[in-house]
Amino acid sequence: MSRLQKKAIRMVIWMYLAVLVLGAFSSYLIILRPLKSEAVQRYKNQNEYMLEEMDSGLKIIEEYANYIAYSKDVQQEVKMYEQAPENGDLRYELSSTLNSLCYVKSGVRGIAVHSSSVPPVYSLIPPSEEEKELLSGEWYESVRERESGGGFSKGFYARRADGKMVKVLAYGKNFKNYELDFTVVIFLDYTELFGKIERFRSREFEKTYWMTPQKELLFGEDIQGEETQLQELVNTGREFIDTSEGVYFISRLYQYPYISIAFISDNTLYHVFSEYIRMILIFFGAFFAASLAGILLMIRKITRPVFTLSQVMAEAVRQDLNVRLTIDSDDEIGDLSKIFNQMIVDLKNYVGKLVEKEKQEQEMRFGLLASQVDPHFVCNTLNTVNYLAKQKRNEDVVIVSTALSNILRDRLRLKDFQIYDTVRQEVFTVRHYLQIQEYRYGSKVCVHWLVSEDVMGCEVPKNLIQPLIENSLFHGLADEDTGEIAGNIYVSITEKENRILVEVRDDGRGMSTEKAKQLEVGRENTSAKGRGIGLSGIRERLGLLYGENYQLHISSSEGQGTSVIIEMERMP
């Protein structure tokens, strides 16, 4: 292994280590953090959806309580019961009515109505001891003390008739009018009423909690002292807390005082976009491995012949030239400095290319002189002049003949022949050409010139625009059956980033996309009648002038017109 190879490999290894470190840090900032933010936003939206559903469910219970209280049957039976509380039949009728109302809404365990002057009346299903205790507790007293409005209780567990414990939530509300003053309490089976929401929460989040306005767990279960931690989170007043373990979403219901806490771990968040991370790692791993292997092979391939050639070429240079260039270096680059004089050979090659290019330009000049004057065009124009003369349209004869004269004068300038001409001169010549065609085919063609004064002085290859317009006239706008020419042609010449863009577009019959592509790459049938003849000449001249440094684009579709765009370097 040569010295240059060792140096190059060391540089590549250090470079790759730096890129790996920088790439890891950049990946976290550019890829991982935005992906995590996107995943967090997704869970935030899910959490907001669940809050809306919970809020809506509680609102329905509130409306359901109003429905019970304002029921005429309930009000009438409460009034009668207050007048004769010892009457068992009246108590039973009220209980029966409340029992029937329990079936109006799913998830209702029972209903109690309590007037201030008589004992409370329950629906026919006997309440549990826990539900009875609720009506003697602080929450119920607070509801009774309110002038109006109601509220939900803290959750509690109640025993069903079959002995199983269920989660129960109660809603109480006072109702007053000029005749009645009573409280309606609805006992709700929390699991049946909000089970769908809770299942959705449990499926989307790893941990979910509900807390009361007093920052206590809704059902009082303190799992391994988590209530204290949750209280600390709520006390921060933030709705979004990103911890080392994961993310907490802390939200309050929009209309009710319950607090929702949902937790999602970082592992789950990363799992959401883990497939993207895996694909990125595989891609970058394969890219780095392949590029490293490729660079090492290239270093070996390049430096080995360089070492050999540096000695062979140094001897050849010493025999032919006296010029020396010395670079103080202890590797093969120092040896290659002795081959500096090889630039003389490159210079000779460059001069040869200049001579070849000048020869090609001369050939193009002759090609231009031979192709600029179309005999058919001159003949047809003279026939037009003859026709106008017979019609005694002397002014038109002068116009057409003047236009033809200007075109011929421009095309046959041999004394000061130039390969390039200004945009202004090209536009001037093309206008005369269009003036002649208007007399021949009528004035149903409208040419729109989108050329600013800024580019009028720019130089473009001579006779570039007229063949494109001629193609638009006879192969785009001409009717194949009648020969009538009608439509619009748009000519745009602009400058962008030191390049000239020439576009000729028509709204004629167009062509298939496949044919347009063939014309663009030069695979057209030049022996057939069509656009290809003019385009091939333009492509050949542009190739002589610019080599590969130009672009010709053709876009078209049948019935939608054709656009030809030429992009070339601006002449200094």
Protein backbone atom coordinates (compact mmCIF):
# COMPACT_ATOMS: atom_id res chain seq x y z
CA MET A 1 0.00 0.00 0.00
CA SER A 2 1.47 3.34 -1.05
CA ARG A 3 1.76 6.42 1.14
CA LEU A 4 -1.01 8.20 -0.75
CA GLN A 5 -3.36 5.28 -0.22
CA LYS A 6 -2.66 5.23 3.52
CA LYS A 7 -3.24 8.95 3.82
CA ALA A 8 -6.46 8.83 1.82
CA ILE A 9 -7.85 5.90 3.86
CA ARG A 10 -7.09 7.66 7.14
CA MET A 11 -8.88 10.78 5.92
CA VAL A 12 -11.91 8.78 4.78
CA ILE A 13 -12.18 6.93 8.11
CA TRP A 14 -12.04 10.16 10.12
CA MET A 15 -14.52 11.75 7.79
CA TYR A 16 -16.97 8.87 8.20
CA LEU A 17 -16.65 8.95 11.98
CA ALA A 18 -17.44 12.65 11.97
CA VAL A 19 -20.38 12.12 9.63
CA LEU A 20 -21.76 9.32 11.83
CA VAL A 21 -21.62 11.50 14.96
CA LEU A 22 -23.10 14.48 13.18
CA GLY A 23 -25.69 12.28 11.48
CA ALA A 24 -26.82 10.76 14.77
CA PHE A 25 -27.29 14.19 16.33
CA SER A 26 -28.96 15.62 13.24
CA SER A 27 -31.26 12.61 12.96
CA TYR A 28 -32.52 13.25 16.46
CA LEU A 29 -33.18 16.94 15.74
CA ILE A 30 -34.48 16.61 12.20
CA ILE A 31 -36.22 13.23 12.23
CA LEU A 32 -36.87 11.78 15.68
CA ARG A 33 -38.16 14.89 17.43
CA PRO A 34 -40.62 15.85 14.66
CA LEU A 35 -41.81 12.24 14.47
CA LYS A 36 -42.34 12.16 18.21
CA SER A 37 -44.18 15.49 18.09
CA GLU A 38 -46.40 14.12 15.35
CA ALA A 39 -47.14 10.99 17.42
CA VAL A 40 -47.87 13.11 20.51
CA GLN A 41 -50.25 15.27 18.47
CA ARG A 42 -52.04 12.13 17.32
CA TYR A 43 -52.59 10.98 20.90
CA LYS A 44 -53.58 14.50 21.92
CA ASN A 45 -56.29 14.48 19.27
CA GLN A 46 -57.49 11.09 20.51
CA ASN A 47 -57.57 12.40 24.07
CA GLU A 48 -59.57 15.47 23.03
CA TYR A 49 -62.01 13.27 21.19
CA MET A 50 -62.55 11.16 24.34
CA LEU A 51 -63.05 14.29 26.44
CA GLU A 52 -65.71 15.50 24.03
CA GLU A 53 -67.44 12.13 24.22
CA MET A 54 -67.32 12.15 28.03
CA ASP A 55 -68.57 15.72 28.17
CA SER A 56 -71.39 14.84 25.82
CA GLY A 57 -72.34 11.80 27.92
CA LEU A 58 -72.50 13.86 31.13
CA LYS A 59 -74.51 16.54 29.35
CA ILE A 60 -77.05 13.93 28.32
CA ILE A 61 -77.44 12.87 31.96
CA GLU A 62 -78.06 16.48 32.94
CA GLU A 63 -80.71 16.82 30.24
CA TYR A 64 -82.15 13.49 31.34
CA ALA A 65 -82.54 14.84 34.89
CA ASN A 66 -84.40 17.86 33.49
CA TYR A 67 -86.62 15.52 31.52
CA ILE A 68 -87.51 13.65 34.73
CA ALA A 69 -88.10 16.77 36.79
CA TYR A 70 -90.28 18.51 34.24
CA SER A 71 -92.35 15.43 33.54
CA LYS A 72 -95.97 16.30 34.31
CA ASP A 73 -96.57 12.88 35.79
CA VAL A 74 -93.60 13.23 38.15
CA GLN A 75 -94.56 16.75 39.24
CA GLN A 76 -98.20 15.77 39.80
CA GLU A 77 -97.30 12.64 41.76
CA VAL A 78 -94.67 14.48 43.87
CA LYS A 79 -97.26 17.12 44.72
CA MET A 80 -99.81 14.48 45.71
CA TYR A 81 -97.19 12.58 47.71
CA GLU A 82 -96.21 15.72 49.63
CA GLN A 83 -99.86 16.23 50.59
CA ALA A 84 -100.31 12.62 51.84
CA PRO A 85 -96.87 11.06 52.53
CA GLU A 86 -98.48 8.32 54.62
CA ASN A 87 -100.45 7.07 51.61
CA GLY A 88 -98.63 3.96 50.36
CA ASP A 89 -100.47 3.91 47.05
CA LEU A 90 -99.28 7.41 46.15
CA ARG A 91 -95.69 6.44 47.10
CA TYR A 92 -95.93 3.32 44.96
CA GLU A 93 -97.28 5.26 41.94
CA LEU A 94 -94.37 7.71 42.19
CA SER A 95 -91.87 4.83 42.52
CA SER A 96 -93.45 3.09 39.54
CA THR A 97 -93.20 6.25 37.43
CA LEU A 98 -89.55 6.69 38.41
CA ASN A 99 -88.92 3.03 37.61
CA SER A 100 -90.35 3.44 34.10
CA LEU A 101 -88.13 6.48 33.59
CA CYS A 102 -85.07 4.36 34.46
CA TYR A 103 -85.52 2.45 31.21
CA VAL A 104 -85.55 5.60 29.11
CA LYS A 105 -81.78 5.90 29.43
CA SER A 106 -79.34 2.99 29.46
CA GLY A 107 -76.88 2.81 32.33
CA VAL A 108 -79.36 4.15 34.93
CA ARG A 109 -79.45 2.04 38.09
CA GLY A 110 -82.13 3.98 39.87
CA ILE A 111 -83.77 7.36 40.50
CA ALA A 112 -84.60 9.08 43.77
CA VAL A 113 -86.90 12.07 44.31
CA HIS A 114 -86.65 13.92 47.59
CA SER A 115 -88.97 16.73 48.64
CA SER A 116 -87.90 18.85 51.57
CA SER A 117 -90.95 17.91 53.66
CA VAL A 118 -91.17 14.15 53.08
CA PRO A 119 -88.76 11.14 52.94
CA PRO A 120 -87.07 10.38 49.60
CA VAL A 121 -88.81 8.05 47.16
CA TYR A 122 -86.77 5.56 45.10
CA SER A 123 -87.63 3.75 41.91
CA LEU A 124 -88.97 0.22 42.39
CA ILE A 125 -85.50 -1.38 42.24
CA PRO A 126 -84.25 -1.16 45.83
CA PRO A 127 -81.17 1.07 46.20
CA SER A 128 -77.97 -0.36 47.65
CA GLU A 129 -76.73 0.63 51.08
CA GLU A 130 -73.99 2.69 49.45
CA GLU A 131 -76.52 4.64 47.41
CA LYS A 132 -78.61 5.31 50.53
CA GLU A 133 -75.51 6.51 52.35
CA LEU A 134 -74.81 8.95 49.54
CA LEU A 135 -78.10 10.75 50.26
CA SER A 136 -77.01 11.35 53.83
CA GLY A 137 -73.52 12.55 52.99
CA GLU A 138 -71.83 15.90 52.34
CA TRP A 139 -72.25 15.81 48.56
CA TYR A 140 -76.02 15.45 48.80
CA GLU A 141 -76.27 18.19 51.39
CA SER A 142 -74.30 20.52 49.10
CA VAL A 143 -76.69 19.74 46.25
CA ARG A 144 -79.72 20.40 48.48
CA GLU A 145 -78.30 23.73 49.61
CA ARG A 146 -78.06 25.07 46.08
CA GLU A 147 -80.79 27.38 44.88
CA SER A 148 -80.59 25.82 41.43
CA GLY A 149 -78.37 23.66 39.29
CA GLY A 150 -76.85 20.30 40.03
CA GLY A 151 -73.67 18.32 40.02
CA PHE A 152 -72.05 14.93 39.85
CA SER A 153 -70.80 13.06 42.87
CA LYS A 154 -67.49 11.39 43.47
CA GLY A 155 -67.54 7.84 42.22
CA PHE A 156 -68.18 4.96 44.59
CA TYR A 157 -68.70 1.21 44.55
CA ALA A 158 -72.14 -0.33 45.13
CA ARG A 159 -73.21 -3.93 45.47
CA ARG A 160 -75.66 -5.30 42.95
CA ALA A 161 -78.42 -7.76 43.77
CA ASP A 162 -76.17 -10.61 42.57
CA GLY A 163 -73.46 -9.55 45.01
CA LYS A 164 -71.05 -8.06 42.46
CA MET A 165 -69.56 -4.62 43.03
CA VAL A 166 -70.09 -1.98 40.33
CA LYS A 167 -68.83 1.56 39.85
CA VAL A 168 -71.58 4.10 40.48
CA LEU A 169 -71.77 7.80 39.74
CA ALA A 170 -74.66 9.98 40.93
CA TYR A 171 -76.10 13.18 39.56
CA GLY A 172 -78.31 15.41 41.69
CA LYS A 173 -80.20 18.60 40.89
CA ASN A 174 -82.70 20.86 42.65
CA PHE A 175 -85.91 21.92 40.93
CA LYS A 176 -88.05 24.73 42.26
CA ASN A 177 -91.22 26.46 41.13
CA TYR A 178 -94.07 28.25 42.84
CA GLU A 179 -95.61 24.97 43.99
CA LEU A 180 -92.79 22.41 44.28
CA ASP A 181 -89.28 22.18 45.71
CA PHE A 182 -87.64 18.81 45.20
CA THR A 183 -84.35 17.14 44.28
CA VAL A 184 -83.81 14.49 41.63
CA VAL A 185 -80.88 12.07 42.10
CA ILE A 186 -79.90 9.66 39.33
CA PHE A 187 -77.66 6.67 40.13
CA LEU A 188 -75.58 5.69 37.11
CA ASP A 189 -73.77 2.45 36.30
CA TYR A 190 -70.47 4.01 35.29
CA THR A 191 -69.17 0.97 33.41
CA GLU A 192 -72.34 0.56 31.37
CA LEU A 193 -72.69 4.26 30.64
CA PHE A 194 -69.06 5.13 29.88
CA GLY A 195 -67.60 1.69 29.22
CA LYS A 196 -67.08 2.39 25.53
CA ILE A 197 -65.13 5.54 26.30
CA GLU A 198 -63.04 3.80 28.97
CA ARG A 199 -62.25 0.89 26.67
CA PHE A 200 -61.17 3.34 24.00
CA ARG A 201 -58.99 5.18 26.51
CA SER A 202 -57.42 1.95 27.73
CA ARG A 203 -56.73 0.85 24.17
CA GLU A 204 -55.08 4.13 23.16
CA PHE A 205 -53.24 4.96 26.40
CA GLU A 206 -51.29 2.84 28.86
CA LYS A 207 -52.68 4.54 31.98
CA THR A 208 -55.85 6.60 32.39
CA TYR A 209 -57.32 8.32 35.44
CA TRP A 210 -60.26 10.54 36.36
CA MET A 211 -59.97 12.97 39.25
CA THR A 212 -62.53 15.11 41.07
CA PRO A 213 -62.26 18.91 41.41
CA GLN A 214 -60.73 18.20 44.85
CA LYS A 215 -57.91 16.39 42.99
CA GLU A 216 -58.90 12.98 44.32
CA LEU A 217 -59.20 9.87 42.22
CA LEU A 218 -62.78 9.57 41.00
CA PHE A 219 -63.36 6.16 42.56
CA GLY A 220 -60.89 6.56 45.39
CA GLU A 221 -58.52 3.78 44.31
CA ASP A 222 -54.94 4.77 45.13
CA ILE A 223 -52.74 2.37 43.17
CA GLN A 224 -49.31 2.19 44.84
CA GLY A 225 -49.48 5.80 45.98
CA GLU A 226 -50.08 7.18 42.49
CA GLU A 227 -52.69 9.66 43.72
CA THR A 228 -50.01 11.87 45.24
CA GLN A 229 -48.00 11.84 42.02
CA LEU A 230 -51.12 12.66 39.99
CA GLN A 231 -51.96 15.54 42.31
CA GLU A 232 -48.48 16.96 41.75
CA LEU A 233 -48.96 16.72 37.99
CA VAL A 234 -52.34 18.49 38.18
CA ASN A 235 -50.89 21.22 40.41
CA THR A 236 -48.42 22.17 37.68
CA GLY A 237 -51.33 23.63 35.72
CA ARG A 238 -49.91 22.26 32.47
CA GLU A 239 -51.91 20.28 29.95
CA PHE A 240 -48.92 18.45 28.53
CA ILE A 241 -46.02 17.08 30.59
CA ASP A 242 -43.13 15.25 28.95
CA THR A 243 -41.28 13.10 31.48
CA SER A 244 -38.37 10.69 31.20
CA GLU A 245 -40.85 7.81 31.10
CA GLY A 246 -43.40 9.25 28.71
CA VAL A 247 -46.04 11.91 28.20
CA TYR A 248 -48.95 12.88 30.46
CA PHE A 249 -52.04 14.58 29.02
CA ILE A 250 -53.90 16.53 31.72
CA SER A 251 -57.23 17.98 30.67
CA ARG A 252 -60.43 19.20 32.26
CA LEU A 253 -63.81 18.51 30.80
CA TYR A 254 -65.25 21.49 28.99
CA GLN A 255 -68.51 21.71 30.96
CA TYR A 256 -67.88 19.63 34.08
CA PRO A 257 -65.21 19.73 36.78
CA TYR A 258 -63.70 16.25 36.30
CA ILE A 259 -60.01 16.06 35.43
CA SER A 260 -58.70 13.54 32.89
CA ILE A 261 -55.14 12.21 33.08
CA ALA A 262 -53.81 9.94 30.33
CA PHE A 263 -50.27 8.55 30.06
CA ILE A 264 -48.43 7.17 27.06
CA SER A 265 -44.85 5.89 27.36
CA ASP A 266 -41.97 6.86 25.10
CA ASN A 267 -41.68 3.25 23.99
CA THR A 268 -45.23 3.33 22.69
CA LEU A 269 -44.68 6.69 21.01
CA TYR A 270 -41.54 5.44 19.30
CA HIS A 271 -43.35 2.28 18.28
CA VAL A 272 -45.74 4.46 16.27
CA PHE A 273 -42.94 5.58 13.97
CA SER A 274 -40.49 2.72 14.59
CA GLU A 275 -41.01 1.47 11.05
CA TYR A 276 -39.81 4.81 9.69
CA ILE A 277 -36.77 4.72 11.98
CA ARG A 278 -35.99 1.15 10.93
CA MET A 279 -36.18 2.07 7.26
CA ILE A 280 -33.99 5.14 7.79
CA LEU A 281 -31.38 3.13 9.70
CA ILE A 282 -31.32 0.41 7.06
CA PHE A 283 -31.00 2.99 4.31
CA PHE A 284 -28.23 4.95 5.96
CA GLY A 285 -26.44 1.80 7.06
CA ALA A 286 -26.49 0.39 3.54
CA PHE A 287 -25.52 3.77 2.10
CA PHE A 288 -22.56 4.22 4.42
CA ALA A 289 -21.35 0.66 3.94
CA ALA A 290 -21.67 0.80 0.16
CA SER A 291 -20.13 4.26 -0.13
CA LEU A 292 -17.24 3.36 2.18
CA ALA A 293 -16.50 0.23 0.21
CA GLY A 294 -16.77 2.16 -3.04
CA ILE A 295 -14.46 4.94 -1.86
CA LEU A 296 -11.84 2.47 -0.65
CA LEU A 297 -11.92 0.70 -3.98
CA MET A 298 -11.69 4.01 -5.83
CA ILE A 299 -8.74 5.10 -3.70
CA ARG A 300 -6.93 1.89 -4.46
CA LYS A 301 -7.82 2.07 -8.15
CA ILE A 302 -6.79 5.71 -8.55
CA THR A 303 -3.66 5.89 -6.44
CA ARG A 304 -1.99 2.76 -7.73
CA PRO A 305 -1.79 3.92 -11.38
CA VAL A 306 -1.00 7.44 -10.24
CA PHE A 307 2.10 6.14 -8.48
CA THR A 308 3.18 4.23 -11.58
CA LEU A 309 2.35 7.00 -14.05
CA SER A 310 4.11 9.62 -11.96
CA GLN A 311 7.43 7.88 -12.59
CA VAL A 312 6.84 7.05 -16.25
CA MET A 313 5.53 10.48 -17.23
CA ALA A 314 8.26 12.24 -15.26
CA GLU A 315 10.88 10.61 -17.45
CA ALA A 316 8.97 11.53 -20.62
CA VAL A 317 8.65 15.13 -19.52
CA ARG A 318 12.33 15.45 -18.71
CA GLN A 319 13.21 14.43 -22.27
CA ASP A 320 10.96 16.93 -23.99
CA LEU A 321 10.65 20.06 -21.81
CA ASN A 322 12.88 22.16 -19.58
CA VAL A 323 10.10 23.57 -17.40
CA ARG A 324 9.98 22.20 -13.85
CA LEU A 325 7.42 22.54 -11.07
CA THR A 326 8.39 21.40 -7.56
CA ILE A 327 5.94 20.85 -4.68
CA ASP A 328 7.32 20.05 -1.25
CA SER A 329 5.42 16.86 -0.41
CA ASP A 330 6.48 13.47 0.86
CA ASP A 331 3.85 11.46 -1.00
CA GLU A 332 2.87 10.74 -4.59
CA ILE A 333 1.48 14.23 -5.01
CA GLY A 334 5.09 15.50 -4.83
CA ASP A 335 6.00 13.11 -7.63
CA LEU A 336 3.03 14.18 -9.73
CA SER A 337 4.15 17.82 -9.46
CA LYS A 338 6.96 16.93 -11.88
CA ILE A 339 4.34 16.17 -14.51
CA PHE A 340 3.08 19.74 -14.54
CA ASN A 341 4.47 20.35 -17.99
CA GLN A 342 2.03 17.79 -19.29
CA MET A 343 -0.37 20.75 -19.42
CA ILE A 344 1.40 21.71 -22.63
CA VAL A 345 0.02 18.56 -24.20
CA ASP A 346 -3.41 19.42 -22.86
CA LEU A 347 -3.01 22.90 -24.30
CA LYS A 348 -2.24 21.46 -27.71
CA ASN A 349 -5.31 19.28 -27.48
CA TYR A 350 -7.33 22.32 -26.46
CA VAL A 351 -6.06 24.33 -29.44
CA GLY A 352 -6.95 21.41 -31.69
CA LYS A 353 -10.45 21.43 -30.28
CA LEU A 354 -10.70 25.18 -30.93
CA VAL A 355 -9.67 24.67 -34.54
CA GLU A 356 -12.20 21.86 -34.88
CA LYS A 357 -14.90 24.04 -33.36
CA GLU A 358 -14.04 26.93 -35.71
CA LYS A 359 -14.29 24.53 -38.63
CA GLN A 360 -17.69 23.40 -37.42
CA GLU A 361 -18.79 27.02 -37.08
CA GLN A 362 -17.70 27.70 -40.66
CA GLU A 363 -19.67 24.70 -41.80
CA MET A 364 -22.67 25.98 -39.92
CA ARG A 365 -22.32 29.38 -41.59
CA PHE A 366 -22.55 27.80 -44.98
CA GLY A 367 -25.47 25.72 -43.77
CA LEU A 368 -27.21 28.88 -42.61
CA LEU A 369 -26.59 30.65 -45.93
CA ALA A 370 -27.97 27.65 -47.79
CA SER A 371 -31.06 27.23 -45.62
CA GLN A 372 -32.05 30.78 -44.77
CA VAL A 373 -33.78 31.47 -48.09
CA ASP A 374 -36.49 28.94 -48.91
CA PRO A 375 -37.11 28.97 -52.70
CA HIS A 376 -40.70 27.87 -52.23
CA PHE A 377 -41.31 30.72 -49.82
CA VAL A 378 -39.82 33.27 -52.27
CA CYS A 379 -41.80 31.80 -55.17
CA ASN A 380 -45.07 31.85 -53.24
CA THR A 381 -44.43 35.40 -52.07
CA LEU A 382 -43.79 36.57 -55.63
CA ASN A 383 -47.03 34.90 -56.71
CA THR A 384 -48.77 36.83 -53.96
CA VAL A 385 -47.22 40.09 -55.21
CA ASN A 386 -48.32 39.21 -58.75
CA TYR A 387 -51.86 38.54 -57.56
CA LEU A 388 -52.01 41.84 -55.65
CA ALA A 389 -50.66 43.70 -58.69
CA LYS A 390 -53.39 42.24 -60.89
CA GLN A 391 -55.91 43.36 -58.30
CA LYS A 392 -54.33 46.83 -58.49
CA ARG A 393 -53.69 46.78 -54.74
CA ASN A 394 -50.56 48.85 -55.10
CA GLU A 395 -50.15 49.65 -51.42
CA ASP A 396 -50.33 45.97 -50.52
CA VAL A 397 -47.78 45.21 -53.25
CA VAL A 398 -45.42 47.71 -51.66
CA ILE A 399 -45.96 46.20 -48.18
CA VAL A 400 -45.38 42.60 -49.28
CA SER A 401 -42.43 43.37 -51.49
CA THR A 402 -40.85 45.51 -48.77
CA ALA A 403 -41.29 42.69 -46.25
CA LEU A 404 -39.71 40.19 -48.66
CA SER A 405 -36.87 42.59 -49.35
CA ASN A 406 -36.15 43.00 -45.65
CA ILE A 407 -36.13 39.23 -45.15
CA LEU A 408 -33.78 38.66 -48.08
CA ARG A 409 -31.54 41.51 -46.97
CA ASP A 410 -31.30 39.99 -43.49
CA ARG A 411 -30.66 36.46 -44.75
CA LEU A 412 -28.15 37.41 -47.45
CA ARG A 413 -25.86 39.66 -45.44
CA LEU A 414 -22.55 38.18 -46.55
CA LYS A 415 -20.26 41.12 -45.97
CA ASP A 416 -20.82 41.30 -42.21
CA PHE A 417 -22.15 37.79 -41.72
CA GLN A 418 -22.78 36.83 -38.12
CA ILE A 419 -23.85 33.56 -36.60
CA TYR A 420 -25.78 35.42 -33.90
CA ASP A 421 -28.24 38.26 -34.15
CA THR A 422 -30.06 40.38 -31.61
CA VAL A 423 -33.52 39.46 -30.42
CA ARG A 424 -34.72 42.79 -31.81
CA GLN A 425 -33.49 41.93 -35.31
CA GLU A 426 -34.96 38.41 -35.12
CA VAL A 427 -38.34 39.81 -34.06
CA PHE A 428 -38.14 42.42 -36.83
CA THR A 429 -37.47 39.76 -39.48
CA VAL A 430 -40.15 37.39 -38.17
CA ARG A 431 -42.74 40.18 -38.20
CA HIS A 432 -42.07 40.71 -41.92
CA TYR A 433 -42.39 36.97 -42.47
CA LEU A 434 -45.75 36.95 -40.68
CA GLN A 435 -46.85 40.00 -42.68
CA ILE A 436 -46.29 38.07 -45.92
CA GLN A 437 -48.09 34.99 -44.58
CA GLU A 438 -51.05 37.16 -43.59
CA TYR A 439 -51.50 38.25 -47.20
CA ARG A 440 -51.25 34.64 -48.35
CA TYR A 441 -53.49 32.94 -45.81
CA GLY A 442 -55.55 35.71 -44.28
CA SER A 443 -55.50 37.37 -40.87
CA LYS A 444 -56.99 34.62 -38.72
CA VAL A 445 -53.70 34.04 -36.91
CA CYS A 446 -52.88 36.20 -33.90
CA VAL A 447 -49.26 36.26 -32.74
CA HIS A 448 -48.68 37.37 -29.15
CA TRP A 449 -45.20 38.73 -28.47
CA LEU A 450 -44.15 38.30 -24.84
CA VAL A 451 -40.73 39.88 -25.18
CA SER A 452 -39.54 42.54 -22.74
CA GLU A 453 -37.26 45.38 -23.71
CA ASP A 454 -34.59 43.95 -21.38
CA VAL A 455 -33.82 41.05 -23.72
CA MET A 456 -34.08 42.92 -27.03
CA GLY A 457 -30.33 43.50 -27.07
CA CYS A 458 -29.44 39.89 -26.24
CA GLU A 459 -28.00 37.77 -29.03
CA VAL A 460 -29.46 34.45 -30.14
CA PRO A 461 -28.56 32.11 -33.01
CA LYS A 462 -29.66 33.59 -36.30
CA ASN A 463 -32.87 32.35 -37.93
CA LEU A 464 -33.95 30.55 -34.72
CA ILE A 465 -37.49 31.83 -34.20
CA GLN A 466 -38.87 31.84 -37.77
CA PRO A 467 -38.72 28.02 -38.28
CA LEU A 468 -40.56 27.51 -35.00
CA ILE A 469 -43.33 29.92 -36.01
CA GLU A 470 -43.48 28.31 -39.45
CA ASN A 471 -44.00 24.93 -37.77
CA SER A 472 -46.82 26.37 -35.66
CA LEU A 473 -48.49 27.87 -38.75
CA PHE A 474 -48.37 24.90 -41.10
CA HIS A 475 -48.27 21.95 -38.71
CA GLY A 476 -50.16 23.28 -35.73
CA LEU A 477 -52.81 25.79 -36.84
CA ALA A 478 -53.40 24.66 -40.44
CA ASP A 479 -56.56 22.63 -41.03
CA GLU A 480 -55.55 19.34 -42.64
CA ASP A 481 -58.71 19.23 -44.79
CA THR A 482 -59.27 22.85 -45.89
CA GLY A 483 -55.76 24.24 -45.49
CA GLU A 484 -57.17 27.19 -43.55
CA ILE A 485 -54.80 28.61 -40.93
CA ALA A 486 -56.34 30.09 -37.78
CA GLY A 487 -55.44 30.34 -34.13
CA ASN A 488 -52.98 31.91 -31.71
CA ILE A 489 -49.21 31.78 -31.46
CA TYR A 490 -47.39 32.92 -28.33
CA VAL A 491 -43.74 33.90 -28.59
CA SER A 492 -41.92 34.39 -25.28
CA ILE A 493 -38.24 35.34 -24.90
CA THR A 494 -36.91 35.75 -21.37
CA GLU A 495 -33.61 35.73 -19.51
CA LYS A 496 -33.10 33.72 -16.33
CA GLU A 497 -29.85 33.10 -14.49
CA ASN A 498 -27.68 34.14 -17.45
CA ARG A 499 -29.59 31.85 -19.83
CA ILE A 500 -32.00 32.72 -22.65
CA LEU A 501 -35.35 30.93 -22.84
CA VAL A 502 -37.24 31.02 -26.16
CA GLU A 503 -40.74 29.55 -26.22
CA VAL A 504 -43.08 29.31 -29.23
CA ARG A 505 -46.49 27.94 -28.32
CA ASP A 506 -49.67 27.52 -30.38
CA ASP A 507 -53.21 26.42 -29.60
CA GLY A 508 -53.50 24.25 -32.69
CA ARG A 509 -54.30 20.60 -33.17
CA GLY A 510 -51.21 19.39 -31.30
CA MET A 511 -49.88 15.84 -31.47
CA SER A 512 -49.58 12.76 -29.31
CA THR A 513 -47.23 12.82 -26.34
CA GLU A 514 -45.25 9.95 -27.85
CA LYS A 515 -44.65 11.87 -31.08
CA ALA A 516 -43.67 14.99 -29.12
CA LYS A 517 -41.07 12.97 -27.23
CA GLN A 518 -39.70 11.56 -30.49
CA LEU A 519 -39.34 15.09 -31.86
CA GLU A 520 -37.67 16.24 -28.67
CA VAL A 521 -34.95 13.58 -28.75
CA GLY A 522 -34.47 13.83 -32.52
CA ARG A 523 -36.00 10.50 -33.59
CA GLU A 524 -38.48 12.13 -35.98
CA ASN A 525 -38.96 10.99 -39.58
CA THR A 526 -37.45 13.91 -41.47
CA SER A 527 -38.54 12.52 -44.82
CA ALA A 528 -42.19 12.92 -43.85
CA LYS A 529 -44.10 16.15 -43.86
CA GLY A 530 -44.06 17.61 -40.39
CA ARG A 531 -42.29 19.63 -37.76
CA GLY A 532 -39.18 17.45 -37.76
CA ILE A 533 -37.41 19.13 -40.70
CA GLY A 534 -37.21 22.58 -39.07
CA LEU A 535 -36.45 21.16 -35.65
CA SER A 536 -33.63 18.96 -36.91
CA GLY A 537 -31.95 22.00 -38.47
CA ILE A 538 -32.32 23.99 -35.27
CA ARG A 539 -31.03 21.10 -33.17
CA GLU A 540 -28.01 20.66 -35.45
CA ARG A 541 -27.09 24.36 -35.34
CA LEU A 542 -27.52 24.57 -31.58
CA GLY A 543 -25.31 21.53 -31.19
CA LEU A 544 -22.58 23.19 -33.25
CA LEU A 545 -22.76 26.38 -31.22
CA TYR A 546 -23.35 25.07 -27.69
CA GLY A 547 -22.40 21.42 -27.74
CA GLU A 548 -24.38 19.81 -24.91
CA ASN A 549 -25.01 23.14 -23.15
CA TYR A 550 -28.54 23.72 -24.46
CA GLN A 551 -31.96 22.16 -23.96
CA LEU A 552 -34.90 21.69 -26.31
CA HIS A 553 -38.24 20.71 -24.80
CA ILE A 554 -41.42 19.85 -26.67
CA SER A 555 -44.74 19.37 -24.92
CA SER A 556 -48.00 18.67 -26.69
CA SER A 557 -51.26 16.78 -26.55
CA GLU A 558 -53.83 16.20 -29.24
CA GLY A 559 -56.25 19.09 -29.57
CA GLN A 560 -54.37 21.17 -26.97
CA GLY A 561 -51.61 22.80 -29.03
CA THR A 562 -47.82 22.46 -28.94
CA SER A 563 -45.07 24.25 -27.01
CA VAL A 564 -41.39 24.30 -28.02
CA ILE A 565 -38.92 25.70 -25.48
CA ILE A 566 -35.25 26.30 -26.22
CA GLU A 567 -32.90 27.11 -23.35
CA MET A 568 -29.36 28.23 -24.14
CA GLU A 569 -26.47 30.12 -22.67
CA ARG A 570 -26.60 33.91 -22.92
CA MET A 571 -23.92 35.35 -25.14
CA PRO A 572 -21.63 37.85 -23.34
